Structure formats: C-alpha cells, structure tokens
Amino acid sequence: RIPTKLEISMQPGGKLFTESIMMQPKAGDYLFLRNGNAQYFVDGLRYFEIDGGFGEHWNAEHMRGAFPVNSKKFTVAMTTSTPQKSSVTIRAKTLMK
C-alpha cells in the first residue's frame, strides 16, 4: 500500500463551503476534503464544485517526492493509498440571476 494524494490549488479571495464549514481560504492554506463535496465561489456567480472527497491519511504536504506547496494559492487535498478506487468530479458552474 503506497500513500497517494490529489491536490487542487486555487487562487485565494473566494469562499469555500462544505456541509460543515464555511471559510475564506488564504494564500498558503492547506485543507483536506475527507468526504463529500465542496464549492469554491470565486465571486458571487462563478464557482467550482468538487465532488467525491476522500481522506485516509495526513501524509500530504510533506510526502516524499511531493512538489512544494504554492504559497500564493491555497490547496485542497484528498488522500488515500493504493490500490485506489476513488473518483473525483470537478465542475465549473455559474449561478443564474
């Protein structure tokens, strides 16, 4: 079993929502989406929806061979181990007025 991760880096300045949290991520923040989904609102109308979060371990930021965290963005991470049977869907959406 080899630890794996999926990282999604995004520009700060928006609002992140899950079933249990609402926050405004800052540059350098590193967040784990352990289950369910999240919406990141870039502005009042445009957002990204991430569906299928998974989390098995905390070895993410400092995993051997990992790229350094981008200090100008924030990161949403999901972690598991091989063999991996998870799937994630990312959609860009716009609210209609």
Protein backbone atom coordinates (compact mmCIF):
# COMPACT_ATOMS: atom_id res chain seq x y z
CA ARG A 1 0.00 0.00 0.00
CA ILE A 2 1.53 3.26 -1.20
CA PRO A 3 0.15 6.59 0.11
CA THR A 4 -1.23 8.81 -2.66
CA LYS A 5 -2.77 12.27 -2.84
CA LEU A 6 -4.70 14.52 -5.18
CA GLU A 7 -4.13 18.25 -4.76
CA ILE A 8 -6.16 21.10 -6.24
CA SER A 9 -4.57 24.56 -5.96
CA MET A 10 -6.79 27.62 -6.27
CA GLN A 11 -6.49 31.38 -6.14
CA PRO A 12 -7.48 32.79 -2.71
CA GLY A 13 -10.08 35.54 -2.36
CA GLY A 14 -13.26 33.47 -2.64
CA LYS A 15 -15.40 31.45 -0.24
CA LEU A 16 -15.24 27.69 0.36
CA PHE A 17 -18.31 25.77 1.51
CA THR A 18 -18.78 22.15 2.59
CA GLU A 19 -21.64 20.53 4.53
CA SER A 20 -19.98 21.56 7.78
CA ILE A 21 -17.71 24.57 7.12
CA MET A 22 -17.74 28.00 5.50
CA MET A 23 -14.40 29.75 5.16
CA GLN A 24 -12.34 32.22 3.17
CA PRO A 25 -9.08 30.33 2.44
CA LYS A 26 -5.91 32.39 2.46
CA ALA A 27 -2.72 32.00 0.43
CA GLY A 28 -0.70 29.08 1.80
CA ASP A 29 -3.68 27.31 3.44
CA TYR A 30 -3.67 23.52 3.07
CA LEU A 31 -7.08 21.85 3.51
CA PHE A 32 -8.20 18.22 3.44
CA LEU A 33 -11.53 17.25 1.83
CA ARG A 34 -12.02 13.92 3.60
CA ASN A 35 -15.50 13.13 2.24
CA GLY A 36 -18.45 14.64 0.44
CA ASN A 37 -18.15 17.73 -1.68
CA ALA A 38 -17.12 21.37 -1.61
CA GLN A 39 -17.99 24.50 -3.54
CA TYR A 40 -15.47 27.30 -4.00
CA PHE A 41 -17.11 30.58 -5.00
CA VAL A 42 -14.67 32.72 -6.97
CA ASP A 43 -17.16 35.60 -6.88
CA GLY A 44 -20.91 35.98 -6.39
CA LEU A 45 -21.77 33.98 -9.52
CA ARG A 46 -18.92 31.68 -10.55
CA TYR A 47 -17.82 28.63 -8.58
CA PHE A 48 -16.09 25.28 -8.73
CA GLU A 49 -17.78 22.17 -7.39
CA ILE A 50 -15.57 19.32 -6.17
CA ASP A 51 -17.45 16.07 -5.61
CA GLY A 52 -16.06 12.83 -4.20
CA GLY A 53 -13.68 13.89 -1.43
CA PHE A 54 -11.69 11.13 0.26
CA GLY A 55 -9.22 11.05 3.12
CA GLU A 56 -7.30 8.17 4.59
CA HIS A 57 -4.10 9.72 5.93
CA TRP A 58 -2.46 13.06 6.79
CA ASN A 59 0.72 12.46 4.73
CA ALA A 60 0.18 15.08 2.08
CA GLU A 61 2.12 18.35 2.30
CA HIS A 62 5.38 16.62 3.08
CA MET A 63 5.11 13.33 1.18
CA ARG A 64 8.39 12.16 -0.26
CA GLY A 65 8.77 13.43 -3.82
CA ALA A 66 5.93 15.96 -3.46
CA PHE A 67 6.08 19.35 -5.12
CA PRO A 68 6.32 22.24 -2.66
CA VAL A 69 3.05 23.93 -1.71
CA ASN A 70 2.36 27.09 -3.72
CA SER A 71 2.47 29.87 -1.11
CA LYS A 72 0.43 32.22 -3.35
CA LYS A 73 -2.54 29.84 -3.61
CA PHE A 74 -4.47 27.57 -1.25
CA THR A 75 -4.64 23.82 -1.68
CA VAL A 76 -7.46 21.30 -1.24
CA ALA A 77 -6.03 17.80 -0.79
CA MET A 78 -7.51 14.30 -0.80
CA THR A 79 -5.51 11.29 0.35
CA THR A 80 -5.68 7.51 0.13
CA SER A 81 -3.43 4.51 -0.50
CA THR A 82 -3.07 2.15 -3.43
CA PRO A 83 -4.99 0.37 -4.78
CA GLN A 84 -7.13 3.47 -5.18
CA LYS A 85 -10.80 3.17 -6.08
CA SER A 86 -11.86 6.78 -5.56
CA SER A 87 -13.19 9.15 -8.18
CA VAL A 88 -13.46 12.93 -8.08
CA THR A 89 -15.54 15.21 -10.30
CA ILE A 90 -14.71 18.90 -10.69
CA ARG A 91 -17.20 21.20 -12.40
CA ALA A 92 -17.06 24.92 -13.18
CA LYS A 93 -20.51 26.45 -12.72
CA THR A 94 -22.29 29.78 -12.89
CA LEU A 95 -25.32 30.81 -10.85
CA MET A 96 -28.15 32.24 -12.91
CA LYS A 97 -29.56 35.60 -11.84
